[in-house]
Protein backbone atom coordinates (compact mmCIF):
# COMPACT_ATOMS: atom_id res chain seq x y z
CA UNK A 1 -9.80 -3.56 12.24
CA UNK A 2 -11.33 -3.65 8.99
CA UNK A 3 -13.75 -1.14 10.16
CA UNK A 4 -11.80 1.44 10.44
CA UNK A 5 -10.64 1.07 6.47
CA UNK A 6 -14.60 0.93 5.56
CA UNK A 7 -16.66 3.97 7.01
CA UNK A 8 -17.44 7.16 5.20
CA UNK A 9 -14.86 9.76 5.64
CA UNK A 10 -17.64 11.82 7.78
CA UNK A 11 -17.87 9.39 10.31
CA UNK A 12 -14.21 7.95 11.11
CA UNK A 13 -13.21 8.99 13.91
CA UNK A 14 -9.47 9.79 12.87
CA UNK A 15 -10.80 12.07 10.95
CA UNK A 16 -11.09 13.81 13.69
CA UNK A 17 -7.49 13.86 14.83
CA UNK A 18 -6.86 15.79 11.35
CA UNK A 19 -9.59 18.20 12.06
CA UNK A 20 -8.47 19.19 16.38
CA UNK A 21 -4.56 18.90 15.30
CA UNK A 22 -5.24 21.94 11.98
CA UNK A 23 -4.76 24.54 13.97
CA UNK A 24 -1.15 23.47 15.76
CA UNK A 25 -0.32 23.21 11.80
CA UNK A 26 -1.79 26.04 10.72
CA UNK A 27 -0.59 28.17 13.42
CA UNK A 28 3.08 26.99 15.15
CA UNK A 29 5.92 28.57 13.87
CA UNK A 30 8.25 26.10 12.18
CA UNK A 31 12.34 26.25 13.64
CA UNK A 32 14.26 28.46 11.04
CA UNK A 33 14.85 26.26 7.72
CA UNK A 34 12.43 23.67 8.16
CA UNK A 35 9.45 24.31 6.08
CA UNK A 36 7.28 26.71 4.86
CA UNK A 37 3.97 26.67 6.72
CA UNK A 38 2.34 26.65 3.02
CA UNK A 39 4.19 23.83 2.07
CA UNK A 40 3.03 22.05 5.27
CA UNK A 41 -0.90 22.56 5.16
CA UNK A 42 -0.58 21.34 1.50
CA UNK A 43 1.19 17.89 2.84
CA UNK A 44 -1.37 17.89 6.09
CA UNK A 45 -4.23 18.19 3.50
CA UNK A 46 -2.79 15.56 0.69
CA UNK A 47 -2.90 13.12 4.10
CA UNK A 48 -6.48 14.03 4.76
CA UNK A 49 -6.90 12.87 0.83
CA UNK A 50 -5.03 9.45 0.95
CA UNK A 51 -6.18 8.52 4.42
CA UNK A 52 -8.99 6.16 3.58
CA UNK A 53 -6.80 4.22 0.90
CA UNK A 54 -3.73 4.22 3.25
CA UNK A 55 -5.76 2.65 5.69
CA UNK A 56 -7.05 -0.43 3.54
CA UNK A 57 -3.42 -0.58 3.03
CA UNK A 58 -2.44 -1.06 6.03
CA UNK A 59 -5.83 -3.76 7.41
CA UNK A 60 -4.08 -5.67 4.76
CA UNK A 61 -0.91 -6.37 7.10
CA UNK A 62 -2.71 -5.84 9.86
CA UNK A 63 -1.96 -9.61 10.89
CA UNK A 64 2.42 -9.27 9.57
CA UNK A 65 1.85 -6.28 11.68
CA UNK A 66 0.06 -7.24 15.16
CA UNK A 67 -0.69 -11.09 14.96
CA UNK A 68 0.60 -13.99 16.99
CA UNK A 69 2.52 -15.49 14.29
CA UNK A 70 6.33 -13.90 13.97
CA UNK A 71 7.73 -16.95 11.92
CA UNK A 72 9.60 -15.45 9.03
CA UNK A 73 9.02 -12.15 9.98
CA UNK A 74 11.91 -11.18 7.64
CA UNK A 75 11.18 -12.63 4.28
CA UNK A 76 7.22 -11.40 4.89
CA UNK A 77 8.04 -8.41 5.18
CA UNK A 78 10.50 -7.69 2.81
CA UNK A 79 7.74 -9.07 0.37
CA UNK A 80 5.47 -6.35 1.92
CA UNK A 81 8.16 -3.85 1.20
CA UNK A 82 9.12 -4.80 -2.15
CA UNK A 83 5.35 -4.41 -3.04
CA UNK A 84 4.97 -1.14 -1.62
CA UNK A 85 8.11 -0.04 -3.48
CA UNK A 86 6.29 -1.04 -6.75
CA UNK A 87 3.28 0.67 -6.20
CA UNK A 88 4.99 4.18 -5.68
CA UNK A 89 5.51 3.99 -1.88
CA UNK A 90 3.97 2.74 1.40
CA UNK A 91 1.33 3.46 3.22
CA UNK A 92 1.46 7.18 5.19
CA UNK A 93 2.60 7.60 8.78
CA UNK A 94 -0.79 8.54 9.79
CA UNK A 95 -2.66 5.36 8.44
CA UNK A 96 0.05 3.23 10.52
CA UNK A 97 -0.28 5.19 13.49
CA UNK A 98 -4.17 5.19 13.45
CA UNK A 99 -3.77 1.23 13.34
CA UNK A 100 -1.39 1.69 16.32
CA UNK A 101 -3.83 3.86 17.85
CA UNK A 102 -6.44 1.38 17.05
CA UNK A 103 -4.86 -1.83 18.39
CA UNK A 104 -3.10 -0.83 21.46
CA UNK A 105 -6.88 1.05 22.35
CA UNK A 106 -4.53 4.60 23.08
CA UNK A 107 -7.41 7.19 23.67
CA UNK A 108 -6.64 10.11 20.87
CA UNK A 109 -8.09 13.02 22.91
CA UNK A 110 -5.12 11.59 25.29
CA UNK A 111 -2.04 15.21 24.74
CA UNK A 112 0.43 11.77 24.14
CA UNK A 113 -1.05 10.81 21.49
CA UNK A 114 -2.06 13.80 19.38
CA UNK A 115 1.95 13.94 19.85
CA UNK A 116 2.26 10.58 17.78
CA UNK A 117 -0.21 12.11 15.24
CA UNK A 118 0.84 15.01 14.51
CA UNK A 119 4.41 13.57 14.37
CA UNK A 120 3.33 11.15 11.23
CA UNK A 121 2.00 14.43 9.98
CA UNK A 122 5.64 15.80 10.18
CA UNK A 123 7.20 12.87 9.02
CA UNK A 124 5.27 12.50 5.71
CA UNK A 125 6.71 16.11 4.67
CA UNK A 126 8.65 15.41 1.29
CA UNK A 127 11.94 14.03 1.57
CA UNK A 128 13.45 11.95 -1.19
CA UNK A 129 16.46 11.22 0.22
CA UNK A 130 18.00 8.05 -1.43
CA UNK A 131 18.07 6.59 2.13
CA UNK A 132 16.99 9.08 5.18
CA UNK A 133 13.65 10.10 3.60
CA UNK A 134 9.98 9.09 4.47
CA UNK A 135 10.32 5.51 2.96
CA UNK A 136 12.82 5.35 5.58
CA UNK A 137 10.77 6.39 8.44
CA UNK A 138 7.73 4.11 7.55
CA UNK A 139 9.65 1.60 7.88
CA UNK A 140 11.37 2.23 10.71
CA UNK A 141 7.99 3.48 12.41
CA UNK A 142 6.01 -0.28 11.12
CA UNK A 143 8.93 -1.92 12.82
CA UNK A 144 8.03 0.19 16.24
CA UNK A 145 5.06 -1.01 16.17
CA UNK A 146 6.05 -4.43 15.76
CA UNK A 147 7.86 -4.29 18.48
CA UNK A 148 5.68 -2.93 20.68
CA UNK A 149 3.02 -5.69 19.81
CA UNK A 150 4.98 -8.55 20.50
CA UNK A 151 7.17 -7.18 23.54
CA UNK A 152 3.41 -6.24 25.49
CA UNK A 153 2.68 -9.80 24.05
CA UNK A 154 5.37 -11.91 25.91
CA UNK A 155 6.03 -9.65 28.88
CA UNK A 156 4.54 -9.91 32.74
CA UNK A 157 2.18 -6.64 33.05
CA UNK A 158 4.57 -4.88 35.07
CA UNK A 159 7.07 -5.23 32.00
CA UNK A 160 4.67 -4.17 29.22
CA UNK A 161 4.92 -0.75 28.18
CA UNK A 162 2.14 1.63 29.04
CA UNK A 163 -0.52 3.67 26.75
CA UNK A 164 1.72 6.87 27.63
CA UNK A 165 4.76 5.16 26.52
CA UNK A 166 3.25 3.80 23.67
CA UNK A 167 2.37 6.95 22.49
CA UNK A 168 5.60 9.04 23.32
CA UNK A 169 7.34 5.75 21.32
CA UNK A 170 5.04 6.19 18.61
CA UNK A 171 5.96 9.88 18.12
CA UNK A 172 9.97 9.96 18.65
CA UNK A 173 9.43 6.82 15.45
CA UNK A 174 8.13 9.03 12.79
CA UNK A 175 10.37 12.15 13.63
CA UNK A 176 13.35 10.25 14.64
CA UNK A 177 15.22 11.44 11.41
CA UNK A 178 12.82 14.60 10.43
CA UNK A 179 14.15 16.63 7.98
CA UNK A 180 17.15 14.69 7.44
CA UNK A 181 19.65 16.78 5.06
CA UNK A 182 22.23 13.80 4.35
CA UNK A 183 25.54 13.58 5.61
CA UNK A 184 26.67 12.65 8.74
CA UNK A 185 27.25 14.03 12.52
CA UNK A 186 30.44 15.54 11.86
CA UNK A 187 30.49 19.77 11.93
CA UNK A 188 33.33 21.28 10.08
CA UNK A 189 35.16 17.74 10.49
CA UNK A 190 34.41 16.85 14.19
CA UNK A 191 32.29 14.58 15.36
CA UNK A 192 29.31 16.44 17.07
CA UNK A 193 27.49 13.43 19.05
CA UNK A 194 23.83 13.24 18.18
CA UNK A 195 24.09 16.92 15.96
CA UNK A 196 21.39 15.45 13.51
CA UNK A 197 19.23 14.07 15.83
CA UNK A 198 19.13 16.75 17.61
CA UNK A 199 18.22 19.16 15.05
CA UNK A 200 15.05 16.70 14.32
CA UNK A 201 13.72 16.84 17.30
CA UNK A 202 14.21 20.70 17.64
CA UNK A 203 12.03 20.53 14.28
CA UNK A 204 9.42 18.92 16.01
CA UNK A 205 9.56 20.09 19.86
CA UNK A 206 6.80 23.01 18.75
CA UNK A 207 4.46 21.13 17.62
CA UNK A 208 4.37 18.97 20.72
CA UNK A 209 4.43 22.12 22.86
CA UNK A 210 1.47 23.42 20.49
CA UNK A 211 -0.61 20.17 21.65
CA UNK A 212 0.09 20.52 25.02
CA UNK A 213 2.81 17.47 25.58
CA UNK A 214 4.36 17.79 29.08
CA UNK A 215 7.76 18.96 29.34
CA UNK A 216 8.71 15.85 30.52
CA UNK A 217 7.20 13.76 28.26
CA UNK A 218 9.25 15.73 25.40
CA UNK A 219 12.24 15.58 27.26
CA UNK A 220 11.64 11.55 27.61
CA UNK A 221 11.04 11.63 23.16
CA UNK A 222 14.26 13.72 22.87
CA UNK A 223 16.35 11.03 24.68
CA UNK A 224 14.91 8.56 22.68
CA UNK A 225 15.89 10.39 19.36
CA UNK A 226 19.34 11.35 19.98
CA UNK A 227 20.14 7.89 21.17
CA UNK A 228 19.70 6.84 17.11
CA UNK A 229 22.95 8.20 16.30
CA UNK A 230 25.02 5.08 15.54
CA UNK A 231 27.47 7.25 13.64
CA UNK A 232 30.29 4.49 12.93
CA UNK A 233 33.46 6.69 13.13
CA UNK A 234 31.90 8.10 16.84
CA UNK A 235 33.08 4.57 18.97
CA UNK A 236 32.31 5.23 22.76
CA UNK A 237 30.91 9.00 21.80
CA UNK A 238 28.59 7.61 20.36
CA UNK A 239 24.94 8.05 21.89
CA UNK A 240 23.83 4.34 20.98
CA UNK A 241 26.79 3.02 22.31
CA UNK A 242 26.49 4.72 24.92
CA UNK A 243 22.59 3.54 25.53
CA UNK A 244 23.43 0.01 24.77
CA UNK A 245 25.78 -0.28 27.48
CA UNK A 246 23.30 1.42 29.86
CA UNK A 247 20.66 -1.52 28.97
CA UNK A 248 23.59 -4.04 28.83
CA UNK A 249 23.86 -2.56 32.93
CA UNK A 250 19.91 -2.53 33.67
CA UNK A 251 18.41 -5.49 31.09
CA UNK A 252 21.35 -8.19 31.73
CA UNK A 253 22.91 -6.58 34.71
CA UNK A 254 26.03 -5.77 33.13
CA UNK A 255 28.31 -4.24 35.63
CA UNK A 256 31.35 -4.93 33.32
CA UNK A 257 31.56 -0.82 32.97
CA UNK A 258 30.25 1.86 35.29
CA UNK A 259 27.65 3.34 33.06
CA UNK A 260 27.01 6.23 35.88
CA UNK A 261 28.98 8.64 34.25
CA UNK A 262 27.34 8.07 30.94
CA UNK A 263 24.39 8.95 32.00
CA UNK A 264 24.87 12.54 31.31
CA UNK A 265 23.22 15.53 29.65
CA UNK A 266 20.20 13.97 27.66
CA UNK A 267 21.14 11.00 28.88
CA UNK A 268 20.97 11.40 32.67
CA UNK A 269 16.69 10.96 31.81
CA UNK A 270 17.93 7.28 32.22
CA UNK A 271 18.73 7.38 35.71
CA UNK A 272 15.97 5.59 37.40
CA UNK A 273 14.32 4.75 34.21
CA UNK A 274 14.81 1.35 32.25
CA UNK A 275 11.80 1.88 30.64
CA UNK A 276 12.44 4.35 28.85
CA UNK A 277 15.58 2.60 28.28
CA UNK A 278 14.11 -0.30 26.82
CA UNK A 279 11.97 2.35 24.42
CA UNK A 280 15.07 3.94 23.24
CA UNK A 281 16.36 0.12 22.12
CA UNK A 282 13.11 -0.36 20.50
CA UNK A 283 13.95 2.64 18.61
CA UNK A 284 17.17 1.95 17.64
CA UNK A 285 16.47 -1.55 16.48
CA UNK A 286 13.52 -0.61 14.38
CA UNK A 287 15.50 2.04 12.92
CA UNK A 288 18.18 -0.51 11.72
CA UNK A 289 16.16 -3.41 11.56
CA UNK A 290 15.35 -3.50 8.13
CA UNK A 291 19.36 -3.31 6.95
CA UNK A 292 20.16 -6.05 9.30
CA UNK A 293 17.39 -8.18 9.91
CA UNK A 294 14.91 -8.66 7.05
CA UNK A 295 17.13 -10.42 4.38
CA UNK A 296 20.24 -10.17 2.32
CA UNK A 297 18.15 -8.87 -0.41
CA UNK A 298 16.73 -5.97 1.15
CA UNK A 299 20.19 -5.49 3.28
CA UNK A 300 21.96 -4.97 -0.20
CA UNK A 301 18.96 -2.30 -1.22
CA UNK A 302 19.41 -0.83 2.02
CA UNK A 303 23.30 -0.51 2.01
CA UNK A 304 23.48 0.03 -1.65
CA UNK A 305 21.08 3.47 -0.96
CA UNK A 306 22.73 4.39 2.48
CA UNK A 307 26.09 5.11 0.59
CA UNK A 308 24.77 6.18 -2.59
CA UNK A 309 23.28 9.22 -0.37
CA UNK A 310 26.82 9.62 1.08
CA UNK A 311 28.31 9.91 -2.71
CA UNK A 312 29.98 6.24 -2.11
CA UNK A 313 28.96 3.87 -5.34
CA UNK A 314 31.18 0.78 -3.70
CA UNK A 315 28.88 -1.29 -1.28
CA UNK A 316 29.52 -4.68 -1.08
CA UNK A 317 29.35 -7.78 0.97
CA UNK A 318 32.43 -6.38 3.32
CA UNK A 319 30.28 -3.05 3.82
CA UNK A 320 28.16 -5.51 5.41
CA UNK A 321 29.97 -7.60 7.52
CA UNK A 322 31.64 -4.18 8.88
CA UNK A 323 28.05 -2.93 9.93
CA UNK A 324 26.49 -5.90 11.10
CA UNK A 325 29.40 -6.68 13.34
CA UNK A 326 31.45 -4.25 14.37
CA UNK A 327 28.87 -1.60 15.15
CA UNK A 328 26.10 -3.92 15.99
CA UNK A 329 28.06 -6.90 17.65
CA UNK A 330 25.90 -9.38 15.08
CA UNK A 331 23.02 -9.19 17.63
CA UNK A 332 19.95 -7.10 18.86
CA UNK A 333 19.30 -6.56 22.36
CA UNK A 334 15.93 -6.51 23.32
CA UNK A 335 13.86 -10.19 23.35
CA UNK A 336 11.52 -8.84 20.96
CA UNK A 337 13.64 -7.54 18.41
CA UNK A 338 16.42 -10.66 18.65
CA UNK A 339 12.58 -12.59 17.56
CA UNK A 340 11.60 -10.67 14.68
CA UNK A 341 15.21 -9.74 13.04
CA UNK A 342 17.37 -12.11 14.35
CA UNK A 343 16.96 -15.25 12.60
CA UNK A 344 17.18 -12.92 9.26
CA UNK A 345 20.58 -11.29 10.61
CA UNK A 346 22.32 -14.90 10.76
CA UNK A 347 21.40 -15.65 7.09
CA UNK A 348 22.42 -12.33 6.12
CA UNK A 349 25.87 -12.96 7.86
CA UNK A 350 26.16 -16.10 6.12
CA UNK A 351 25.31 -15.46 2.77
CA UNK A 352 28.00 -11.83 3.11
CA UNK A 353 31.00 -14.17 3.53
CA UNK A 354 29.83 -16.30 1.04
CA UNK A 355 30.20 -13.38 -1.41
CA UNK A 356 33.41 -12.64 0.04
CA UNK A 357 34.61 -16.06 -0.56
CA UNK A 358 33.19 -15.56 -3.71
CA UNK A 359 35.12 -12.90 -4.84
CA UNK A 360 32.38 -10.52 -4.59
CA UNK A 361 33.57 -6.92 -3.93
CA UNK A 362 30.58 -4.87 -5.26
CA UNK A 363 26.59 -4.96 -5.19
CA UNK A 364 26.42 -2.91 -8.10
């Protein structure tokens, strides 16, 4: 692993990916309103310049990301994220994906792997939103890699994600909130399921097509990203809520609800495809893991940022409990998610309850 960060730039195997993907970056016509091609090229060049330094920084946390010891993952991860923030930001997505390519023995010449790397390039287009900005994307990709590694270490061979599935999930994680404008999925005051998630995917789609990703694989990524919509007021109309019920059907043999009518539209791709449901659940858990399952300190930071992005200044323990109880049901769903985030989630709930007992109404 250390060799990945010490080779000279001209010898580094991942610089080949930058070179290979440059035509797609330069020649692809962006979605209207997404980004100026010159700005994308400038970001692309900056990523190459910082790549070696970012790789060194990722090597420093490789044990946390891939190792067998998952004890106190929440607190250890909190410490890493705090340190990165004090350093001005975490390593770029390109370095995270390069480490994942190496660890999972993915083929950089394979189209879905190229999709993951170009997704990392797109995910580094500057977005300074209070919550849904670049640091959020990096945290989500970090957790996604950790979830995949733990799952594949523990699962039976037939239950593991294969290399294609790993690459598609990584690509989805990189672009799941691409170009997020802030706000929620209300269009003229009416909830539109997956509105911003679909926009994020549509911004990435031309680049996935440019590197030759098969249309069926593009469709699977679309469904995964679409189901990261957890809009609180959406109730059962939320794609994420429906995905969770489909997950329970496949993996918990829970037939308390007829999910056949839920597998419509983009969710139809879940039919007879439990692995796709598992992949979507991993991304959902990675998406909310920092807010829900690292530490109470981190939950407070994330909650305050999330609400400030919506110009809401009153963030307190009642907000946390509403999120963890009403929206998440106080649990993760996958075995890997329960192991990584579950212990800290219990502590977060207990500390929020104590804050309420103590009369605390606001974190600020």
